[in-house]
Amino acid sequence: MIRHLSLLEASNVGDGVRRMLKKIGTNELWKGFSLKGRKGKRPFHSLLIYDVVIRARSRTFPNVDCQKVEEAIAVTLKHSPHRRSTNQVLIPDDLVEDEEEEEEEEEGEDEVEE
């Protein structure tokens, strides 16, 4: 995983961290995290992926210290609720059909109750 993420091209540390987090999850996911877990959010630094991101960026930018990478992670997580999600999550057709059938059943039950 570290090798794969370190191969993502980036012009600077912040850009690299954003690209990594985009590959790992969506902005919808990251908006529930902060680096230290403040303001009622879950702590990113306690996740296993935290070490992976730090090590992958250290491979790409060996002269950058860990604190700079942490700052980039914190900024990326801070702005994730405001970013438009460009990740396309592919949902299998059978799951979509099941959801549509459930919605139709619920609508039918509402009509019966009235």
PDB file of N, CA and C in Angstrom:
ATOM      1  N   MET A   1       0.823  -1.187   0.000  1.00  0.00           N
ATOM      2  CA  MET A   1       0.000   0.000   0.000  1.00  0.00           C
ATOM      3  C   MET A   1       0.874   1.259   0.000  1.00  0.00           C
ATOM      4  N   ILE A   2       1.910   1.243   0.826  1.00  0.00           N
ATOM      5  CA  ILE A   2       2.810   2.400   0.892  1.00  0.00           C
ATOM      6  C   ILE A   2       3.441   2.647  -0.466  1.00  0.00           C
ATOM      7  N   ARG A   3       3.887   1.591  -1.095  1.00  0.00           N
ATOM      8  CA  ARG A   3       4.524   1.720  -2.416  1.00  0.00           C
ATOM      9  C   ARG A   3       3.536   2.284  -3.435  1.00  0.00           C
ATOM     10  N   HIS A   4       2.320   1.767  -3.427  1.00  0.00           N
ATOM     11  CA  HIS A   4       1.307   2.223  -4.375  1.00  0.00           C
ATOM     12  C   HIS A   4       1.001   3.710  -4.181  1.00  0.00           C
ATOM     13  N   LEU A   5       0.810   4.132  -2.946  1.00  0.00           N
ATOM     14  CA  LEU A   5       0.492   5.536  -2.679  1.00  0.00           C
ATOM     15  C   LEU A   5       1.687   6.453  -2.938  1.00  0.00           C
ATOM     16  N   SER A   6       2.880   5.956  -2.719  1.00  0.00           N
ATOM     17  CA  SER A   6       4.055   6.801  -2.955  1.00  0.00           C
ATOM     18  C   SER A   6       4.294   7.027  -4.452  1.00  0.00           C
ATOM     19  N   LEU A   7       3.692   6.205  -5.296  1.00  0.00           N
ATOM     20  CA  LEU A   7       3.841   6.376  -6.738  1.00  0.00           C
ATOM     21  C   LEU A   7       2.923   7.464  -7.309  1.00  0.00           C
ATOM     22  N   LEU A   8       1.959   7.944  -6.503  1.00  0.00           N
ATOM     23  CA  LEU A   8       1.093   9.024  -6.971  1.00  0.00           C
ATOM     24  C   LEU A   8       1.922  10.295  -7.137  1.00  0.00           C
ATOM     25  N   GLU A   9       1.860  10.880  -8.314  1.00  0.00           N
ATOM     26  CA  GLU A   9       2.656  12.072  -8.580  1.00  0.00           C
ATOM     27  C   GLU A   9       2.039  13.284  -7.902  1.00  0.00           C
ATOM     28  N   ALA A  10       2.901  14.125  -7.387  1.00  0.00           N
ATOM     29  CA  ALA A  10       2.449  15.348  -6.733  1.00  0.00           C
ATOM     30  C   ALA A  10       3.555  16.387  -6.801  1.00  0.00           C
ATOM     31  N   SER A  11       3.150  17.641  -6.919  1.00  0.00           N
ATOM     32  CA  SER A  11       4.134  18.711  -7.005  1.00  0.00           C
ATOM     33  C   SER A  11       4.628  19.151  -5.634  1.00  0.00           C
ATOM     34  N   ASN A  12       3.832  18.908  -4.592  1.00  0.00           N
ATOM     35  CA  ASN A  12       4.235  19.253  -3.237  1.00  0.00           C
ATOM     36  C   ASN A  12       3.564  18.307  -2.240  1.00  0.00           C
ATOM     37  N   VAL A  13       3.883  18.456  -0.979  1.00  0.00           N
ATOM     38  CA  VAL A  13       3.385  17.544   0.050  1.00  0.00           C
ATOM     39  C   VAL A  13       1.862  17.627   0.168  1.00  0.00           C
ATOM     40  N   GLY A  14       1.322  18.832   0.190  1.00  0.00           N
ATOM     41  CA  GLY A  14      -0.123  19.002   0.329  1.00  0.00           C
ATOM     42  C   GLY A  14      -0.888  18.355  -0.807  1.00  0.00           C
ATOM     43  N   ASP A  15      -0.406  18.556  -2.022  1.00  0.00           N
ATOM     44  CA  ASP A  15      -1.044  17.954  -3.185  1.00  0.00           C
ATOM     45  C   ASP A  15      -0.978  16.428  -3.101  1.00  0.00           C
ATOM     46  N   GLY A  16       0.152  15.918  -2.658  1.00  0.00           N
ATOM     47  CA  GLY A  16       0.310  14.474  -2.522  1.00  0.00           C
ATOM     48  C   GLY A  16      -0.634  13.873  -1.491  1.00  0.00           C
ATOM     49  N   VAL A  17      -0.780  14.553  -0.368  1.00  0.00           N
ATOM     50  CA  VAL A  17      -1.680  14.068   0.683  1.00  0.00           C
ATOM     51  C   VAL A  17      -3.121  14.085   0.182  1.00  0.00           C
ATOM     52  N   ARG A  18      -3.516  15.153  -0.497  1.00  0.00           N
ATOM     53  CA  ARG A  18      -4.882  15.217  -1.050  1.00  0.00           C
ATOM     54  C   ARG A  18      -5.132  14.079  -2.028  1.00  0.00           C
ATOM     55  N   ARG A  19      -4.171  13.812  -2.886  1.00  0.00           N
ATOM     56  CA  ARG A  19      -4.327  12.724  -3.859  1.00  0.00           C
ATOM     57  C   ARG A  19      -4.427  11.364  -3.163  1.00  0.00           C
ATOM     58  N   MET A  20      -3.619  11.168  -2.136  1.00  0.00           N
ATOM     59  CA  MET A  20      -3.662   9.905  -1.401  1.00  0.00           C
ATOM     60  C   MET A  20      -5.016   9.694  -0.735  1.00  0.00           C
ATOM     61  N   LEU A  21      -5.466  10.712  -0.020  1.00  0.00           N
ATOM     62  CA  LEU A  21      -6.738  10.581   0.684  1.00  0.00           C
ATOM     63  C   LEU A  21      -7.895  10.415  -0.299  1.00  0.00           C
ATOM     64  N   LYS A  22      -7.772  11.020  -1.467  1.00  0.00           N
ATOM     65  CA  LYS A  22      -8.795  10.864  -2.498  1.00  0.00           C
ATOM     66  C   LYS A  22      -8.831   9.425  -3.007  1.00  0.00           C
ATOM     67  N   LYS A  23      -7.661   8.787  -3.102  1.00  0.00           N
ATOM     68  CA  LYS A  23      -7.597   7.389  -3.536  1.00  0.00           C
ATOM     69  C   LYS A  23      -8.148   6.443  -2.480  1.00  0.00           C
ATOM     70  N   ILE A  24      -7.940   6.793  -1.215  1.00  0.00           N
ATOM     71  CA  ILE A  24      -8.336   5.921  -0.111  1.00  0.00           C
ATOM     72  C   ILE A  24      -9.826   6.040   0.205  1.00  0.00           C
ATOM     73  N   GLY A  25     -10.367   7.244   0.171  1.00  0.00           N
ATOM     74  CA  GLY A  25     -11.768   7.449   0.532  1.00  0.00           C
ATOM     75  C   GLY A  25     -12.316   8.714  -0.079  1.00  0.00           C
ATOM     76  N   THR A  26     -13.592   8.956   0.152  1.00  0.00           N
ATOM     77  CA  THR A  26     -14.259  10.128  -0.405  1.00  0.00           C
ATOM     78  C   THR A  26     -14.250  11.278   0.602  1.00  0.00           C
ATOM     79  N   ASN A  27     -14.568  12.463   0.123  1.00  0.00           N
ATOM     80  CA  ASN A  27     -14.690  13.611   1.015  1.00  0.00           C
ATOM     81  C   ASN A  27     -15.809  13.389   2.021  1.00  0.00           C
ATOM     82  N   GLU A  28     -16.826  12.656   1.611  1.00  0.00           N
ATOM     83  CA  GLU A  28     -17.932  12.312   2.507  1.00  0.00           C
ATOM     84  C   GLU A  28     -17.410  11.530   3.715  1.00  0.00           C
ATOM     85  N   LEU A  29     -16.466  10.635   3.482  1.00  0.00           N
ATOM     86  CA  LEU A  29     -15.854   9.868   4.563  1.00  0.00           C
ATOM     87  C   LEU A  29     -14.972  10.756   5.421  1.00  0.00           C
ATOM     88  N   TRP A  30     -14.110  11.539   4.781  1.00  0.00           N
ATOM     89  CA  TRP A  30     -13.114  12.315   5.515  1.00  0.00           C
ATOM     90  C   TRP A  30     -13.707  13.470   6.309  1.00  0.00           C
ATOM     91  N   LYS A  31     -14.907  13.900   5.981  1.00  0.00           N
ATOM     92  CA  LYS A  31     -15.479  15.025   6.738  1.00  0.00           C
ATOM     93  C   LYS A  31     -15.790  14.648   8.184  1.00  0.00           C
ATOM     94  N   GLY A  32     -15.794  13.371   8.509  1.00  0.00           N
ATOM     95  CA  GLY A  32     -16.026  12.933   9.880  1.00  0.00           C
ATOM     96  C   GLY A  32     -14.756  12.777  10.694  1.00  0.00           C
ATOM     97  N   PHE A  33     -13.615  13.172  10.128  1.00  0.00           N
ATOM     98  CA  PHE A  33     -12.328  13.019  10.801  1.00  0.00           C
ATOM     99  C   PHE A  33     -11.615  14.358  10.929  1.00  0.00           C
ATOM    100  N   SER A  34     -10.826  14.472  11.976  1.00  0.00           N
ATOM    101  CA  SER A  34      -9.833  15.540  12.077  1.00  0.00           C
ATOM    102  C   SER A  34      -8.547  14.862  12.541  1.00  0.00           C
ATOM    103  N   LEU A  35      -7.431  15.532  12.406  1.00  0.00           N
ATOM    104  CA  LEU A  35      -6.151  14.899  12.724  1.00  0.00           C
ATOM    105  C   LEU A  35      -6.124  14.405  14.167  1.00  0.00           C
ATOM    106  N   LYS A  36      -6.543  15.236  15.098  1.00  0.00           N
ATOM    107  CA  LYS A  36      -6.483  14.889  16.522  1.00  0.00           C
ATOM    108  C   LYS A  36      -7.826  14.434  17.093  1.00  0.00           C
ATOM    109  N   GLY A  37      -8.906  14.537  16.321  1.00  0.00           N
ATOM    110  CA  GLY A  37     -10.214  14.107  16.810  1.00  0.00           C
ATOM    111  C   GLY A  37     -10.952  15.178  17.588  1.00  0.00           C
ATOM    112  N   ARG A  38     -10.744  16.405  17.246  1.00  0.00           N
ATOM    113  CA  ARG A  38     -11.414  17.506  17.942  1.00  0.00           C
ATOM    114  C   ARG A  38     -12.750  17.833  17.298  1.00  0.00           C
ATOM    115  N   LYS A  39     -13.540  18.626  17.998  1.00  0.00           N
ATOM    116  CA  LYS A  39     -14.854  19.092  17.535  1.00  0.00           C
ATOM    117  C   LYS A  39     -15.805  17.939  17.232  1.00  0.00           C
ATOM    118  N   GLY A  40     -15.734  16.889  18.025  1.00  0.00           N
ATOM    119  CA  GLY A  40     -16.653  15.775  17.880  1.00  0.00           C
ATOM    120  C   GLY A  40     -16.363  14.851  16.719  1.00  0.00           C
ATOM    121  N   LYS A  41     -15.218  15.032  16.085  1.00  0.00           N
ATOM    122  CA  LYS A  41     -14.857  14.169  14.957  1.00  0.00           C
ATOM    123  C   LYS A  41     -13.952  13.044  15.441  1.00  0.00           C
ATOM    124  N   ARG A  42     -13.808  12.037  14.615  1.00  0.00           N
ATOM    125  CA  ARG A  42     -12.954  10.903  14.956  1.00  0.00           C
ATOM    126  C   ARG A  42     -11.501  11.240  14.630  1.00  0.00           C
ATOM    127  N   PRO A  43     -10.559  10.740  15.437  1.00  0.00           N
ATOM    128  CA  PRO A  43      -9.136  11.063  15.210  1.00  0.00           C
ATOM    129  C   PRO A  43      -8.533  10.261  14.057  1.00  0.00           C
ATOM    130  N   PHE A  44      -7.972  10.969  13.100  1.00  0.00           N
ATOM    131  CA  PHE A  44      -7.323  10.328  11.957  1.00  0.00           C
ATOM    132  C   PHE A  44      -6.004   9.689  12.382  1.00  0.00           C
ATOM    133  N   HIS A  45      -5.318  10.304  13.339  1.00  0.00           N
ATOM    134  CA  HIS A  45      -3.993   9.809  13.728  1.00  0.00           C
ATOM    135  C   HIS A  45      -4.056   8.442  14.401  1.00  0.00           C
ATOM    136  N   SER A  46      -5.239   7.994  14.816  1.00  0.00           N
ATOM    137  CA  SER A  46      -5.340   6.672  15.429  1.00  0.00           C
ATOM    138  C   SER A  46      -5.629   5.568  14.406  1.00  0.00           C
ATOM    139  N   LEU A  47      -5.849   5.947  13.149  1.00  0.00           N
ATOM    140  CA  LEU A  47      -6.099   4.969  12.098  1.00  0.00           C
ATOM    141  C   LEU A  47      -4.779   4.376  11.597  1.00  0.00           C
ATOM    142  N   LEU A  48      -4.829   3.147  11.141  1.00  0.00           N
ATOM    143  CA  LEU A  48      -3.631   2.518  10.572  1.00  0.00           C
ATOM    144  C   LEU A  48      -3.183   3.225   9.301  1.00  0.00           C
ATOM    145  N   ILE A  49      -4.130   3.779   8.573  1.00  0.00           N
ATOM    146  CA  ILE A  49      -3.807   4.448   7.305  1.00  0.00           C
ATOM    147  C   ILE A  49      -2.980   5.716   7.536  1.00  0.00           C
ATOM    148  N   TYR A  50      -3.039   6.263   8.741  1.00  0.00           N
ATOM    149  CA  TYR A  50      -2.253   7.448   9.087  1.00  0.00           C
ATOM    150  C   TYR A  50      -0.758   7.168   8.874  1.00  0.00           C
ATOM    151  N   ASP A  51      -0.282   6.054   9.423  1.00  0.00           N
ATOM    152  CA  ASP A  51       1.132   5.700   9.268  1.00  0.00           C
ATOM    153  C   ASP A  51       1.490   5.433   7.812  1.00  0.00           C
ATOM    154  N   VAL A  52       0.552   4.851   7.086  1.00  0.00           N
ATOM    155  CA  VAL A  52       0.791   4.563   5.670  1.00  0.00           C
ATOM    156  C   VAL A  52       0.981   5.871   4.899  1.00  0.00           C
ATOM    157  N   VAL A  53       0.117   6.845   5.146  1.00  0.00           N
ATOM    158  CA  VAL A  53       0.214   8.146   4.460  1.00  0.00           C
ATOM    159  C   VAL A  53       1.520   8.835   4.814  1.00  0.00           C
ATOM    160  N   ILE A  54       1.877   8.836   6.085  1.00  0.00           N
ATOM    161  CA  ILE A  54       3.126   9.474   6.527  1.00  0.00           C
ATOM    162  C   ILE A  54       4.332   8.813   5.842  1.00  0.00           C
ATOM    163  N   ARG A  55       4.363   7.502   5.848  1.00  0.00           N
ATOM    164  CA  ARG A  55       5.507   6.794   5.262  1.00  0.00           C
ATOM    165  C   ARG A  55       5.567   6.952   3.743  1.00  0.00           C
ATOM    166  N   ALA A  56       4.407   6.947   3.090  1.00  0.00           N
ATOM    167  CA  ALA A  56       4.390   7.106   1.632  1.00  0.00           C
ATOM    168  C   ALA A  56       4.880   8.504   1.241  1.00  0.00           C
ATOM    169  N   ARG A  57       4.459   9.531   1.961  1.00  0.00           N
ATOM    170  CA  ARG A  57       4.917  10.891   1.650  1.00  0.00           C
ATOM    171  C   ARG A  57       6.390  11.034   1.969  1.00  0.00           C
ATOM    172  N   SER A  58       6.864  10.350   2.996  1.00  0.00           N
ATOM    173  CA  SER A  58       8.288  10.422   3.342  1.00  0.00           C
ATOM    174  C   SER A  58       9.148   9.789   2.260  1.00  0.00           C
ATOM    175  N   ARG A  59       8.615   8.807   1.580  1.00  0.00           N
ATOM    176  CA  ARG A  59       9.351   8.205   0.460  1.00  0.00           C
ATOM    177  C   ARG A  59       9.448   9.168  -0.716  1.00  0.00           C
ATOM    178  N   THR A  60       8.358   9.854  -0.991  1.00  0.00           N
ATOM    179  CA  THR A  60       8.316  10.755  -2.131  1.00  0.00           C
ATOM    180  C   THR A  60       9.078  12.044  -1.853  1.00  0.00           C
ATOM    181  N   PHE A  61       8.930  12.572  -0.650  1.00  0.00           N
ATOM    182  CA  PHE A  61       9.596  13.816  -0.245  1.00  0.00           C
ATOM    183  C   PHE A  61      10.465  13.528   0.985  1.00  0.00           C
ATOM    184  N   PRO A  62      11.651  12.946   0.797  1.00  0.00           N
ATOM    185  CA  PRO A  62      12.467  12.543   1.953  1.00  0.00           C
ATOM    186  C   PRO A  62      12.985  13.716   2.788  1.00  0.00           C
ATOM    187  N   ASN A  63      13.046  14.896   2.211  1.00  0.00           N
ATOM    188  CA  ASN A  63      13.562  16.058   2.951  1.00  0.00           C
ATOM    189  C   ASN A  63      12.495  16.764   3.780  1.00  0.00           C
ATOM    190  N   VAL A  64      11.246  16.329   3.663  1.00  0.00           N
ATOM    191  CA  VAL A  64      10.150  16.965   4.404  1.00  0.00           C
ATOM    192  C   VAL A  64       9.936  16.208   5.703  1.00  0.00           C
ATOM    193  N   ASP A  65       9.850  16.950   6.808  1.00  0.00           N
ATOM    194  CA  ASP A  65       9.665  16.282   8.091  1.00  0.00           C
ATOM    195  C   ASP A  65       8.204  15.869   8.307  1.00  0.00           C
ATOM    196  N   CYS A  66       8.006  15.034   9.287  1.00  0.00           N
ATOM    197  CA  CYS A  66       6.699  14.443   9.593  1.00  0.00           C
ATOM    198  C   CYS A  66       5.660  15.524   9.936  1.00  0.00           C
ATOM    199  N   GLN A  67       6.098  16.585  10.570  1.00  0.00           N
ATOM    200  CA  GLN A  67       5.183  17.649  10.973  1.00  0.00           C
ATOM    201  C   GLN A  67       4.534  18.317   9.754  1.00  0.00           C
ATOM    202  N   LYS A  68       5.269  18.514   8.696  1.00  0.00           N
ATOM    203  CA  LYS A  68       4.713  19.108   7.476  1.00  0.00           C
ATOM    204  C   LYS A  68       3.647  18.195   6.863  1.00  0.00           C
ATOM    205  N   VAL A  69       3.893  16.902   6.900  1.00  0.00           N
ATOM    206  CA  VAL A  69       2.918  15.950   6.366  1.00  0.00           C
ATOM    207  C   VAL A  69       1.658  15.966   7.227  1.00  0.00           C
ATOM    208  N   GLU A  70       1.836  16.022   8.556  1.00  0.00           N
ATOM    209  CA  GLU A  70       0.683  16.103   9.460  1.00  0.00           C
ATOM    210  C   GLU A  70      -0.129  17.365   9.200  1.00  0.00           C
ATOM    211  N   GLU A  71       0.544  18.484   8.972  1.00  0.00           N
ATOM    212  CA  GLU A  71      -0.152  19.736   8.672  1.00  0.00           C
ATOM    213  C   GLU A  71      -0.963  19.604   7.384  1.00  0.00           C
ATOM    214  N   ALA A  72      -0.389  18.950   6.386  1.00  0.00           N
ATOM    215  CA  ALA A  72      -1.092  18.753   5.119  1.00  0.00           C
ATOM    216  C   ALA A  72      -2.314  17.859   5.310  1.00  0.00           C
ATOM    217  N   ILE A  73      -2.182  16.822   6.142  1.00  0.00           N
ATOM    218  CA  ILE A  73      -3.319  15.955   6.438  1.00  0.00           C
ATOM    219  C   ILE A  73      -4.409  16.755   7.142  1.00  0.00           C
ATOM    220  N   ALA A  74      -4.018  17.557   8.136  1.00  0.00           N
ATOM    221  CA  ALA A  74      -4.991  18.348   8.891  1.00  0.00           C
ATOM    222  C   ALA A  74      -5.743  19.320   7.984  1.00  0.00           C
ATOM    223  N   VAL A  75      -5.034  19.981   7.085  1.00  0.00           N
ATOM    224  CA  VAL A  75      -5.667  20.934   6.171  1.00  0.00           C
ATOM    225  C   VAL A  75      -6.611  20.205   5.209  1.00  0.00           C
ATOM    226  N   THR A  76      -6.185  19.059   4.708  1.00  0.00           N
ATOM    227  CA  THR A  76      -7.026  18.289   3.786  1.00  0.00           C
ATOM    228  C   THR A  76      -8.306  17.845   4.474  1.00  0.00           C
ATOM    229  N   LEU A  77      -8.185  17.345   5.696  1.00  0.00           N
ATOM    230  CA  LEU A  77      -9.377  16.915   6.432  1.00  0.00           C
ATOM    231  C   LEU A  77     -10.271  18.097   6.790  1.00  0.00           C
ATOM    232  N   LYS A  78      -9.665  19.217   7.106  1.00  0.00           N
ATOM    233  CA  LYS A  78     -10.431  20.418   7.467  1.00  0.00           C
ATOM    234  C   LYS A  78     -11.313  20.887   6.315  1.00  0.00           C
ATOM    235  N   HIS A  79     -10.798  20.816   5.099  1.00  0.00           N
ATOM    236  CA  HIS A  79     -11.531  21.320   3.944  1.00  0.00           C
ATOM    237  C   HIS A  79     -12.377  20.263   3.240  1.00  0.00           C
ATOM    238  N   SER A  80     -12.313  19.031   3.683  1.00  0.00           N
ATOM    239  CA  SER A  80     -13.053  17.970   2.988  1.00  0.00           C
ATOM    240  C   SER A  80     -14.571  18.172   2.974  1.00  0.00           C
ATOM    241  N   PRO A  81     -15.214  18.738   4.006  1.00  0.00           N
ATOM    242  CA  PRO A  81     -16.669  18.933   3.900  1.00  0.00           C
ATOM    243  C   PRO A  81     -17.064  19.928   2.812  1.00  0.00           C
ATOM    244  N   HIS A  82     -16.156  20.809   2.435  1.00  0.00           N
ATOM    245  CA  HIS A  82     -16.464  21.860   1.472  1.00  0.00           C
ATOM    246  C   HIS A  82     -16.084  21.490   0.044  1.00  0.00           C
ATOM    247  N   ARG A  83     -15.405  20.380  -0.115  1.00  0.00           N
ATOM    248  CA  ARG A  83     -14.991  19.965  -1.454  1.00  0.00           C
ATOM    249  C   ARG A  83     -16.089  19.169  -2.125  1.00  0.00           C
ATOM    250  N   ARG A  84     -16.228  19.417  -3.385  1.00  0.00           N
ATOM    251  CA  ARG A  84     -17.160  18.634  -4.185  1.00  0.00           C
ATOM    252  C   ARG A  84     -16.516  17.275  -4.424  1.00  0.00           C
ATOM    253  N   SER A  85     -17.259  16.231  -4.200  1.00  0.00           N
ATOM    254  CA  SER A  85     -16.718  14.885  -4.368  1.00  0.00           C
ATOM    255  C   SER A  85     -16.614  14.550  -5.843  1.00  0.00           C
ATOM    256  N   THR A  86     -15.412  14.204  -6.270  1.00  0.00           N
ATOM    257  CA  THR A  86     -15.207  13.810  -7.665  1.00  0.00           C
ATOM    258  C   THR A  86     -15.023  12.309  -7.780  1.00  0.00           C
ATOM    259  N   ASN A  87     -14.986  11.639  -6.631  1.00  0.00           N
ATOM    260  CA  ASN A  87     -14.863  10.182  -6.654  1.00  0.00           C
ATOM    261  C   ASN A  87     -16.198   9.589  -7.062  1.00  0.00           C
ATOM    262  N   GLN A  88     -16.164   8.691  -8.000  1.00  0.00           N
ATOM    263  CA  GLN A  88     -17.375   8.010  -8.402  1.00  0.00           C
ATOM    264  C   GLN A  88     -17.357   6.631  -7.780  1.00  0.00           C
ATOM    265  N   VAL A  89     -18.318   6.399  -6.917  1.00  0.00           N
ATOM    266  CA  VAL A  89     -18.429   5.103  -6.277  1.00  0.00           C
ATOM    267  C   VAL A  89     -19.353   4.261  -7.129  1.00  0.00           C
ATOM    268  N   LEU A  90     -18.845   3.146  -7.591  1.00  0.00           N
ATOM    269  CA  LEU A  90     -19.636   2.272  -8.433  1.00  0.00           C
ATOM    270  C   LEU A  90     -20.438   1.323  -7.557  1.00  0.00           C
ATOM    271  N   ILE A  91     -21.742   1.370  -7.706  1.00  0.00           N
ATOM    272  CA  ILE A  91     -22.632   0.507  -6.943  1.00  0.00           C
ATOM    273  C   ILE A  91     -23.128  -0.579  -7.874  1.00  0.00           C
ATOM    274  N   PRO A  92     -23.000  -1.836  -7.488  1.00  0.00           N
ATOM    275  CA  PRO A  92     -23.488  -2.914  -8.345  1.00  0.00           C
ATOM    276  C   PRO A  92     -24.976  -2.758  -8.633  1.00  0.00           C
ATOM    277  N   ASP A  93     -25.372  -3.126  -9.853  1.00  0.00           N
ATOM    278  CA  ASP A  93     -26.760  -2.970 -10.269  1.00  0.00           C
ATOM    279  C   ASP A  93     -27.736  -3.695  -9.359  1.00  0.00           C
ATOM    280  N   ASP A  94     -27.362  -4.862  -8.856  1.00  0.00           N
ATOM    281  CA  ASP A  94     -28.296  -5.598  -8.016  1.00  0.00           C
ATOM    282  C   ASP A  94     -28.593  -4.865  -6.713  1.00  0.00           C
ATOM    283  N   LEU A  95     -27.637  -4.097  -6.195  1.00  0.00           N
ATOM    284  CA  LEU A  95     -27.899  -3.305  -4.996  1.00  0.00           C
ATOM    285  C   LEU A  95     -28.828  -2.144  -5.302  1.00  0.00           C
ATOM    286  N   VAL A  96     -28.657  -1.532  -6.453  1.00  0.00           N
ATOM    287  CA  VAL A  96     -29.524  -0.419  -6.843  1.00  0.00           C
ATOM    288  C   VAL A  96     -30.947  -0.925  -7.031  1.00  0.00           C
ATOM    289  N   GLU A  97     -31.092  -2.079  -7.669  1.00  0.00           N
ATOM    290  CA  GLU A  97     -32.419  -2.642  -7.887  1.00  0.00           C
ATOM    291  C   GLU A  97     -33.084  -2.979  -6.565  1.00  0.00           C
ATOM    292  N   ASP A  98     -32.340  -3.523  -5.606  1.00  0.00           N
ATOM    293  CA  ASP A  98     -32.901  -3.847  -4.300  1.00  0.00           C
ATOM    294  C   ASP A  98     -33.406  -2.597  -3.598  1.00  0.00           C
ATOM    295  N   GLU A  99     -32.644  -1.500  -3.671  1.00  0.00           N
ATOM    296  CA  GLU A  99     -33.065  -0.252  -3.053  1.00  0.00           C
ATOM    297  C   GLU A  99     -34.329   0.276  -3.701  1.00  0.00           C
ATOM    298  N   GLU A 100     -34.412   0.198  -5.027  1.00  0.00           N
ATOM    299  CA  GLU A 100     -35.597   0.676  -5.734  1.00  0.00           C
ATOM    300  C   GLU A 100     -36.811  -0.154  -5.358  1.00  0.00           C
ATOM    301  N   GLU A 101     -36.645  -1.464  -5.239  1.00  0.00           N
ATOM    302  CA  GLU A 101     -37.750  -2.330  -4.856  1.00  0.00           C
ATOM    303  C   GLU A 101     -38.224  -2.006  -3.446  1.00  0.00           C
ATOM    304  N   GLU A 102     -37.292  -1.747  -2.524  1.00  0.00           N
ATOM    305  CA  GLU A 102     -37.652  -1.401  -1.154  1.00  0.00           C
ATOM    306  C   GLU A 102     -38.439  -0.091  -1.126  1.00  0.00           C
ATOM    307  N   GLU A 103     -38.016   0.898  -1.924  1.00  0.00           N
ATOM    308  CA  GLU A 103     -38.721   2.174  -1.980  1.00  0.00           C
ATOM    309  C   GLU A 103     -40.138   1.986  -2.508  1.00  0.00           C
ATOM    310  N   GLU A 104     -40.292   1.152  -3.545  1.00  0.00           N
ATOM    311  CA  GLU A 104     -41.608   0.894  -4.102  1.00  0.00           C
ATOM    312  C   GLU A 104     -42.504   0.203  -3.084  1.00  0.00           C
ATOM    313  N   GLU A 105     -41.935  -0.748  -2.311  1.00  0.00           N
ATOM    314  CA  GLU A 105     -42.703  -1.443  -1.286  1.00  0.00           C
ATOM    315  C   GLU A 105     -43.151  -0.465  -0.207  1.00  0.00           C
ATOM    316  N   GLU A 106     -42.255   0.451   0.199  1.00  0.00           N
ATOM    317  CA  GLU A 106     -42.609   1.437   1.217  1.00  0.00           C
ATOM    318  C   GLU A 106     -43.712   2.360   0.721  1.00  0.00           C
ATOM    319  N   GLU A 107     -43.645   2.779  -0.538  1.00  0.00           N
ATOM    320  CA  GLU A 107     -44.690   3.627  -1.102  1.00  0.00           C
ATOM    321  C   GLU A 107     -46.019   2.888  -1.117  1.00  0.00           C
ATOM    322  N   GLY A 108     -45.991   1.596  -1.450  1.00  0.00           N
ATOM    323  CA  GLY A 108     -47.202   0.783  -1.470  1.00  0.00           C
ATOM    324  C   GLY A 108     -47.796   0.657  -0.084  1.00  0.00           C
ATOM    325  N   GLU A 109     -46.962   0.510   0.946  1.00  0.00           N
ATOM    326  CA  GLU A 109     -47.441   0.421   2.318  1.00  0.00           C
ATOM    327  C   GLU A 109     -48.056   1.728   2.766  1.00  0.00           C
ATOM    328  N   ASP A 110     -47.499   2.863   2.354  1.00  0.00           N
ATOM    329  CA  ASP A 110     -48.049   4.172   2.704  1.00  0.00           C
ATOM    330  C   ASP A 110     -49.439   4.347   2.112  1.00  0.00           C
ATOM    331  N   GLU A 111     -49.626   3.892   0.892  1.00  0.00           N
ATOM    332  CA  GLU A 111     -50.923   4.026   0.245  1.00  0.00           C
ATOM    333  C   GLU A 111     -51.969   3.168   0.936  1.00  0.00           C
ATOM    334  N   VAL A 112     -51.595   1.974   1.412  1.00  0.00           N
ATOM    335  CA  VAL A 112     -52.516   1.076   2.088  1.00  0.00           C
ATOM    336  C   VAL A 112     -52.947   1.667   3.415  1.00  0.00           C
ATOM    337  N   GLU A 113     -52.030   2.323   4.129  1.00  0.00           N
ATOM    338  CA  GLU A 113     -52.333   2.907   5.426  1.00  0.00           C
ATOM    339  C   GLU A 113     -53.310   4.063   5.316  1.00  0.00           C
ATOM    340  N   GLU A 114     -53.304   4.798   4.209  1.00  0.00           N
ATOM    341  CA  GLU A 114     -54.183   5.954   4.050  1.00  0.00           C
ATOM    342  C   GLU A 114     -55.551   5.478   3.785  1.00  0.00           C
TER     343      GLU A 114
END
